[in-house]
């Protein structure tokens, strides 16, 4: 079974109507990125603290 070529781009910078993008430069994407970044940092710090404590 052959599948058509996908033209997915990584970041949407222009105001296009397509949904073939992983990230878009808008507020939702920025808030989501920073939220995930903060959670990952907290998890890394937690793992580091438990590693030193035990």
C-alpha atoms as a PDB file:
ATOM      1  CA  UNK A   1       0.000   0.000   0.000  1.00  0.00           C
ATOM      2  CA  UNK A   2       1.516   3.309  -1.061  1.00  0.00           C
ATOM      3  CA  UNK A   3       0.978   6.450   0.881  1.00  0.00           C
ATOM      4  CA  UNK A   4       1.159   9.950  -0.483  1.00  0.00           C
ATOM      5  CA  UNK A   5       4.081  12.212   0.311  1.00  0.00           C
ATOM      6  CA  UNK A   6       3.521  14.254   3.450  1.00  0.00           C
ATOM      7  CA  UNK A   7       4.637  17.844   3.431  1.00  0.00           C
ATOM      8  CA  UNK A   8       4.612  18.534   7.149  1.00  0.00           C
ATOM      9  CA  UNK A   9       6.617  21.564   8.185  1.00  0.00           C
ATOM     10  CA  UNK A  10       8.021  22.058  11.671  1.00  0.00           C
ATOM     11  CA  UNK A  11       6.979  25.655  12.450  1.00  0.00           C
ATOM     12  CA  UNK A  12       4.194  27.697  10.933  1.00  0.00           C
ATOM     13  CA  UNK A  13       5.400  31.261  10.479  1.00  0.00           C
ATOM     14  CA  UNK A  14       2.974  32.624   7.944  1.00  0.00           C
ATOM     15  CA  UNK A  15      -0.798  32.899   8.212  1.00  0.00           C
ATOM     16  CA  UNK A  16      -1.665  29.815   6.155  1.00  0.00           C
ATOM     17  CA  UNK A  17      -4.962  27.975   6.487  1.00  0.00           C
ATOM     18  CA  UNK A  18      -3.443  24.477   6.437  1.00  0.00           C
ATOM     19  CA  UNK A  19      -2.944  22.258   9.488  1.00  0.00           C
ATOM     20  CA  UNK A  20       0.225  20.526   8.295  1.00  0.00           C
ATOM     21  CA  UNK A  21       2.441  22.025  10.969  1.00  0.00           C
ATOM     22  CA  UNK A  22       3.828  20.617  14.208  1.00  0.00           C
ATOM     23  CA  UNK A  23       4.168  23.987  15.938  1.00  0.00           C
ATOM     24  CA  UNK A  24       2.567  27.343  15.261  1.00  0.00           C
ATOM     25  CA  UNK A  25       3.849  30.706  16.399  1.00  0.00           C
ATOM     26  CA  UNK A  26       0.939  31.709  18.627  1.00  0.00           C
ATOM     27  CA  UNK A  27       0.197  32.123  22.345  1.00  0.00           C
ATOM     28  CA  UNK A  28      -1.100  28.579  22.914  1.00  0.00           C
ATOM     29  CA  UNK A  29       2.099  27.042  21.574  1.00  0.00           C
ATOM     30  CA  UNK A  30       4.309  29.357  23.645  1.00  0.00           C
ATOM     31  CA  UNK A  31       2.358  28.693  26.859  1.00  0.00           C
ATOM     32  CA  UNK A  32       2.378  24.945  26.217  1.00  0.00           C
ATOM     33  CA  UNK A  33       6.121  24.945  25.506  1.00  0.00           C
ATOM     34  CA  UNK A  34       6.959  26.833  28.694  1.00  0.00           C
ATOM     35  CA  UNK A  35       4.632  24.648  30.770  1.00  0.00           C
ATOM     36  CA  UNK A  36       6.273  21.452  29.520  1.00  0.00           C
ATOM     37  CA  UNK A  37       9.729  22.993  30.012  1.00  0.00           C
ATOM     38  CA  UNK A  38       8.974  23.936  33.643  1.00  0.00           C
ATOM     39  CA  UNK A  39       7.559  20.471  34.404  1.00  0.00           C
ATOM     40  CA  UNK A  40      10.645  18.802  32.928  1.00  0.00           C
ATOM     41  CA  UNK A  41      12.972  21.042  34.934  1.00  0.00           C
ATOM     42  CA  UNK A  42      11.061  20.267  38.142  1.00  0.00           C
ATOM     43  CA  UNK A  43      11.283  16.525  37.404  1.00  0.00           C
ATOM     44  CA  UNK A  44      15.023  16.733  36.686  1.00  0.00           C
ATOM     45  CA  UNK A  45      15.621  18.653  39.911  1.00  0.00           C
ATOM     46  CA  UNK A  46      13.530  16.106  41.838  1.00  0.00           C
ATOM     47  CA  UNK A  47      15.500  13.186  40.429  1.00  0.00           C
ATOM     48  CA  UNK A  48      18.798  14.946  41.171  1.00  0.00           C
ATOM     49  CA  UNK A  49      17.781  15.702  44.775  1.00  0.00           C
ATOM     50  CA  UNK A  50      16.679  12.125  45.445  1.00  0.00           C
ATOM     51  CA  UNK A  51      19.896  10.853  43.858  1.00  0.00           C
ATOM     52  CA  UNK A  52      22.034  12.925  46.227  1.00  0.00           C
ATOM     53  CA  UNK A  53      19.877  12.253  49.273  1.00  0.00           C
ATOM     54  CA  UNK A  54      19.914   8.452  49.068  1.00  0.00           C
END
